[in-house]
Amino acid sequence: MACPCARNRRRSSDEDTGEAGHAFVVPAAGRTPDRAALTALVRDELGADSVPRTITIVPAVPLATSGKPGKRALSEQILRIARQH
């Protein structure tokens, strides 16, 4: 799934553990992601069940030492962004 406004996307979800589906989007250079367009794209490409409950625009996706996206660091990033607003 490609979106010209997003350089990198990460979806965090695990219904078994009760975590809500959440998308982290790193904007492509010079672009501003449109949350409604991203939601529509996911719905069209993957179906309504795959649409994340929330979308957060982040400057980068932090990586864990394993090289995978770091859930804890992403959570901390959300808190910092929320405090700024």
N, C-alpha and C. Protein backbone atom coordinates (compact mmCIF):
# COMPACT_ATOMS: atom_id res chain seq x y z
N MET A 1 0.85 -1.16 0.00
CA MET A 1 0.00 0.00 0.00
C MET A 1 0.90 1.23 0.00
N ALA A 2 0.72 2.10 -0.95
CA ALA A 2 1.56 3.29 -1.05
C ALA A 2 0.71 4.55 -0.94
N CYS A 3 1.26 5.51 -0.28
CA CYS A 3 0.61 6.81 -0.16
C CYS A 3 1.68 7.85 -0.41
N PRO A 4 1.49 8.76 -1.36
CA PRO A 4 2.53 9.73 -1.66
C PRO A 4 2.84 10.69 -0.51
N CYS A 5 1.96 10.79 0.46
CA CYS A 5 2.18 11.73 1.55
C CYS A 5 2.95 11.11 2.71
N ALA A 6 3.15 9.81 2.69
CA ALA A 6 3.78 9.13 3.82
C ALA A 6 5.02 8.39 3.37
N ARG A 7 6.12 8.62 4.07
CA ARG A 7 7.36 7.94 3.75
C ARG A 7 7.45 6.60 4.47
N ASN A 8 6.91 6.55 5.67
CA ASN A 8 7.03 5.35 6.49
C ASN A 8 5.76 5.22 7.33
N ARG A 9 5.27 4.02 7.45
CA ARG A 9 4.07 3.78 8.23
C ARG A 9 4.31 2.60 9.14
N ARG A 10 3.73 2.65 10.31
CA ARG A 10 3.81 1.51 11.23
C ARG A 10 2.47 1.41 11.92
N ARG A 11 1.89 0.24 11.89
CA ARG A 11 0.60 0.03 12.56
C ARG A 11 0.83 -0.86 13.77
N SER A 12 0.34 -0.42 14.90
CA SER A 12 0.47 -1.17 16.14
C SER A 12 -0.90 -1.69 16.52
N SER A 13 -1.04 -3.01 16.65
CA SER A 13 -2.35 -3.56 16.99
C SER A 13 -2.20 -4.96 17.55
N ASP A 14 -3.00 -5.26 18.55
CA ASP A 14 -3.05 -6.61 19.07
C ASP A 14 -4.35 -6.76 19.84
N GLU A 15 -5.36 -7.24 19.17
CA GLU A 15 -6.68 -7.38 19.80
C GLU A 15 -6.65 -8.34 20.99
N ASP A 16 -5.75 -9.34 20.96
CA ASP A 16 -5.68 -10.31 22.06
C ASP A 16 -5.21 -9.68 23.37
N THR A 17 -4.36 -8.66 23.26
CA THR A 17 -3.85 -8.02 24.48
C THR A 17 -4.62 -6.75 24.82
N GLY A 18 -5.58 -6.39 23.98
CA GLY A 18 -6.39 -5.22 24.27
C GLY A 18 -5.81 -3.92 23.77
N GLU A 19 -4.72 -3.95 23.03
CA GLU A 19 -4.16 -2.74 22.47
C GLU A 19 -5.01 -2.30 21.28
N ALA A 20 -5.23 -1.01 21.17
CA ALA A 20 -6.00 -0.47 20.06
C ALA A 20 -5.13 -0.37 18.82
N GLY A 21 -5.75 -0.55 17.66
CA GLY A 21 -5.04 -0.36 16.40
C GLY A 21 -4.65 1.10 16.27
N HIS A 22 -3.38 1.36 16.04
CA HIS A 22 -2.88 2.73 15.97
C HIS A 22 -1.85 2.80 14.84
N ALA A 23 -1.91 3.85 14.04
CA ALA A 23 -0.95 4.04 12.96
C ALA A 23 -0.01 5.19 13.29
N PHE A 24 1.27 4.97 13.04
CA PHE A 24 2.27 6.02 13.14
C PHE A 24 2.72 6.31 11.73
N VAL A 25 2.70 7.57 11.34
CA VAL A 25 3.04 7.95 9.98
C VAL A 25 4.17 8.96 10.00
N VAL A 26 5.22 8.67 9.22
CA VAL A 26 6.32 9.61 9.03
C VAL A 26 6.07 10.28 7.69
N PRO A 27 5.88 11.61 7.69
CA PRO A 27 5.58 12.29 6.43
C PRO A 27 6.72 12.21 5.43
N ALA A 28 6.37 12.13 4.15
CA ALA A 28 7.37 12.25 3.09
C ALA A 28 7.87 13.69 3.10
N ALA A 29 9.08 13.89 2.65
CA ALA A 29 9.68 15.23 2.65
C ALA A 29 8.78 16.23 1.95
N GLY A 30 8.48 17.31 2.65
CA GLY A 30 7.68 18.38 2.07
C GLY A 30 6.19 18.10 1.97
N ARG A 31 5.72 17.02 2.56
CA ARG A 31 4.30 16.65 2.48
C ARG A 31 3.67 16.69 3.86
N THR A 32 2.37 16.90 3.87
CA THR A 32 1.59 16.85 5.10
C THR A 32 0.54 15.76 4.93
N PRO A 33 0.65 14.68 5.68
CA PRO A 33 -0.32 13.59 5.53
C PRO A 33 -1.74 14.04 5.89
N ASP A 34 -2.67 13.56 5.14
CA ASP A 34 -4.10 13.83 5.36
C ASP A 34 -4.68 12.58 6.04
N ARG A 35 -5.06 12.72 7.30
CA ARG A 35 -5.56 11.57 8.06
C ARG A 35 -6.78 10.93 7.40
N ALA A 36 -7.68 11.74 6.87
CA ALA A 36 -8.88 11.20 6.22
C ALA A 36 -8.50 10.40 4.97
N ALA A 37 -7.54 10.90 4.21
CA ALA A 37 -7.09 10.18 3.01
C ALA A 37 -6.40 8.87 3.38
N LEU A 38 -5.58 8.91 4.45
CA LEU A 38 -4.92 7.68 4.90
C LEU A 38 -5.94 6.65 5.37
N THR A 39 -6.95 7.11 6.10
CA THR A 39 -8.00 6.21 6.58
C THR A 39 -8.74 5.58 5.40
N ALA A 40 -9.08 6.40 4.41
CA ALA A 40 -9.77 5.89 3.22
C ALA A 40 -8.90 4.89 2.46
N LEU A 41 -7.61 5.18 2.36
CA LEU A 41 -6.68 4.28 1.67
C LEU A 41 -6.62 2.92 2.36
N VAL A 42 -6.49 2.92 3.68
CA VAL A 42 -6.45 1.66 4.42
C VAL A 42 -7.77 0.90 4.24
N ARG A 43 -8.89 1.60 4.36
CA ARG A 43 -10.20 0.95 4.20
C ARG A 43 -10.32 0.32 2.81
N ASP A 44 -9.91 1.05 1.77
CA ASP A 44 -10.01 0.55 0.39
C ASP A 44 -9.07 -0.62 0.13
N GLU A 45 -7.84 -0.53 0.66
CA GLU A 45 -6.83 -1.55 0.38
C GLU A 45 -6.94 -2.79 1.26
N LEU A 46 -7.29 -2.58 2.55
CA LEU A 46 -7.25 -3.68 3.52
C LEU A 46 -8.59 -4.02 4.16
N GLY A 47 -9.57 -3.16 4.00
CA GLY A 47 -10.89 -3.41 4.60
C GLY A 47 -11.10 -2.60 5.86
N ALA A 48 -12.36 -2.42 6.22
CA ALA A 48 -12.74 -1.59 7.36
C ALA A 48 -12.16 -2.09 8.68
N ASP A 49 -11.99 -3.40 8.83
CA ASP A 49 -11.45 -3.94 10.08
C ASP A 49 -9.99 -3.54 10.32
N SER A 50 -9.30 -3.12 9.28
CA SER A 50 -7.88 -2.77 9.40
C SER A 50 -7.66 -1.28 9.63
N VAL A 51 -8.70 -0.48 9.59
CA VAL A 51 -8.55 0.97 9.80
C VAL A 51 -8.15 1.22 11.25
N PRO A 52 -7.02 1.92 11.46
CA PRO A 52 -6.60 2.18 12.83
C PRO A 52 -7.55 3.15 13.53
N ARG A 53 -7.66 3.01 14.84
CA ARG A 53 -8.53 3.91 15.60
C ARG A 53 -7.97 5.31 15.63
N THR A 54 -6.64 5.42 15.65
CA THR A 54 -6.00 6.72 15.66
C THR A 54 -4.79 6.72 14.74
N ILE A 55 -4.41 7.90 14.28
CA ILE A 55 -3.22 8.08 13.45
C ILE A 55 -2.40 9.20 14.07
N THR A 56 -1.13 8.94 14.30
CA THR A 56 -0.23 9.95 14.85
C THR A 56 0.88 10.21 13.84
N ILE A 57 1.08 11.48 13.54
CA ILE A 57 2.17 11.88 12.65
C ILE A 57 3.41 12.05 13.53
N VAL A 58 4.49 11.35 13.18
CA VAL A 58 5.72 11.40 13.96
C VAL A 58 6.89 11.75 13.04
N PRO A 59 7.94 12.36 13.58
CA PRO A 59 9.08 12.73 12.75
C PRO A 59 9.90 11.51 12.30
N ALA A 60 9.87 10.45 13.09
CA ALA A 60 10.61 9.22 12.77
C ALA A 60 10.06 8.10 13.63
N VAL A 61 10.24 6.87 13.18
CA VAL A 61 9.85 5.71 13.97
C VAL A 61 11.09 5.20 14.68
N PRO A 62 11.13 5.32 16.01
CA PRO A 62 12.30 4.84 16.75
C PRO A 62 12.40 3.32 16.68
N LEU A 63 13.61 2.84 16.64
CA LEU A 63 13.84 1.40 16.55
C LEU A 63 14.40 0.85 17.85
N ALA A 64 13.98 -0.37 18.17
CA ALA A 64 14.54 -1.09 19.31
C ALA A 64 15.90 -1.65 18.89
N THR A 65 16.64 -2.19 19.83
CA THR A 65 17.95 -2.75 19.50
C THR A 65 17.85 -3.90 18.51
N SER A 66 16.67 -4.52 18.43
CA SER A 66 16.46 -5.61 17.47
C SER A 66 16.28 -5.10 16.04
N GLY A 67 16.11 -3.77 15.90
CA GLY A 67 15.87 -3.21 14.57
C GLY A 67 14.40 -3.07 14.24
N LYS A 68 13.55 -3.58 15.13
CA LYS A 68 12.11 -3.47 14.93
C LYS A 68 11.62 -2.15 15.54
N PRO A 69 10.46 -1.65 15.10
CA PRO A 69 9.92 -0.44 15.72
C PRO A 69 9.78 -0.63 17.23
N GLY A 70 10.22 0.36 17.99
CA GLY A 70 10.18 0.28 19.45
C GLY A 70 8.86 0.77 20.00
N LYS A 71 8.03 -0.16 20.50
CA LYS A 71 6.71 0.21 21.03
C LYS A 71 6.82 1.20 22.20
N ARG A 72 7.74 0.96 23.10
CA ARG A 72 7.88 1.84 24.26
C ARG A 72 8.27 3.25 23.81
N ALA A 73 9.22 3.34 22.91
CA ALA A 73 9.66 4.65 22.42
C ALA A 73 8.54 5.34 21.66
N LEU A 74 7.75 4.59 20.90
CA LEU A 74 6.61 5.19 20.20
C LEU A 74 5.58 5.72 21.20
N SER A 75 5.34 4.96 22.26
CA SER A 75 4.40 5.41 23.29
C SER A 75 4.89 6.69 23.95
N GLU A 76 6.18 6.75 24.24
CA GLU A 76 6.76 7.95 24.84
C GLU A 76 6.65 9.13 23.88
N GLN A 77 6.82 8.87 22.58
CA GLN A 77 6.70 9.91 21.57
C GLN A 77 5.27 10.47 21.53
N ILE A 78 4.28 9.60 21.65
CA ILE A 78 2.89 10.04 21.67
C ILE A 78 2.64 10.96 22.86
N LEU A 79 3.16 10.58 24.02
CA LEU A 79 2.99 11.42 25.22
C LEU A 79 3.63 12.79 25.05
N ARG A 80 4.82 12.83 24.45
CA ARG A 80 5.47 14.12 24.22
C ARG A 80 4.66 14.98 23.26
N ILE A 81 4.14 14.37 22.20
CA ILE A 81 3.33 15.11 21.21
C ILE A 81 2.05 15.61 21.88
N ALA A 82 1.42 14.79 22.70
CA ALA A 82 0.18 15.19 23.37
C ALA A 82 0.43 16.37 24.32
N ARG A 83 1.55 16.37 24.99
CA ARG A 83 1.87 17.46 25.92
C ARG A 83 2.08 18.78 25.19
N GLN A 84 2.55 18.72 23.94
CA GLN A 84 2.79 19.93 23.16
C GLN A 84 1.51 20.57 22.67
N HIS A 85 0.43 19.81 22.63
CA HIS A 85 -0.84 20.33 22.10
C HIS A 85 -1.72 20.77 23.19
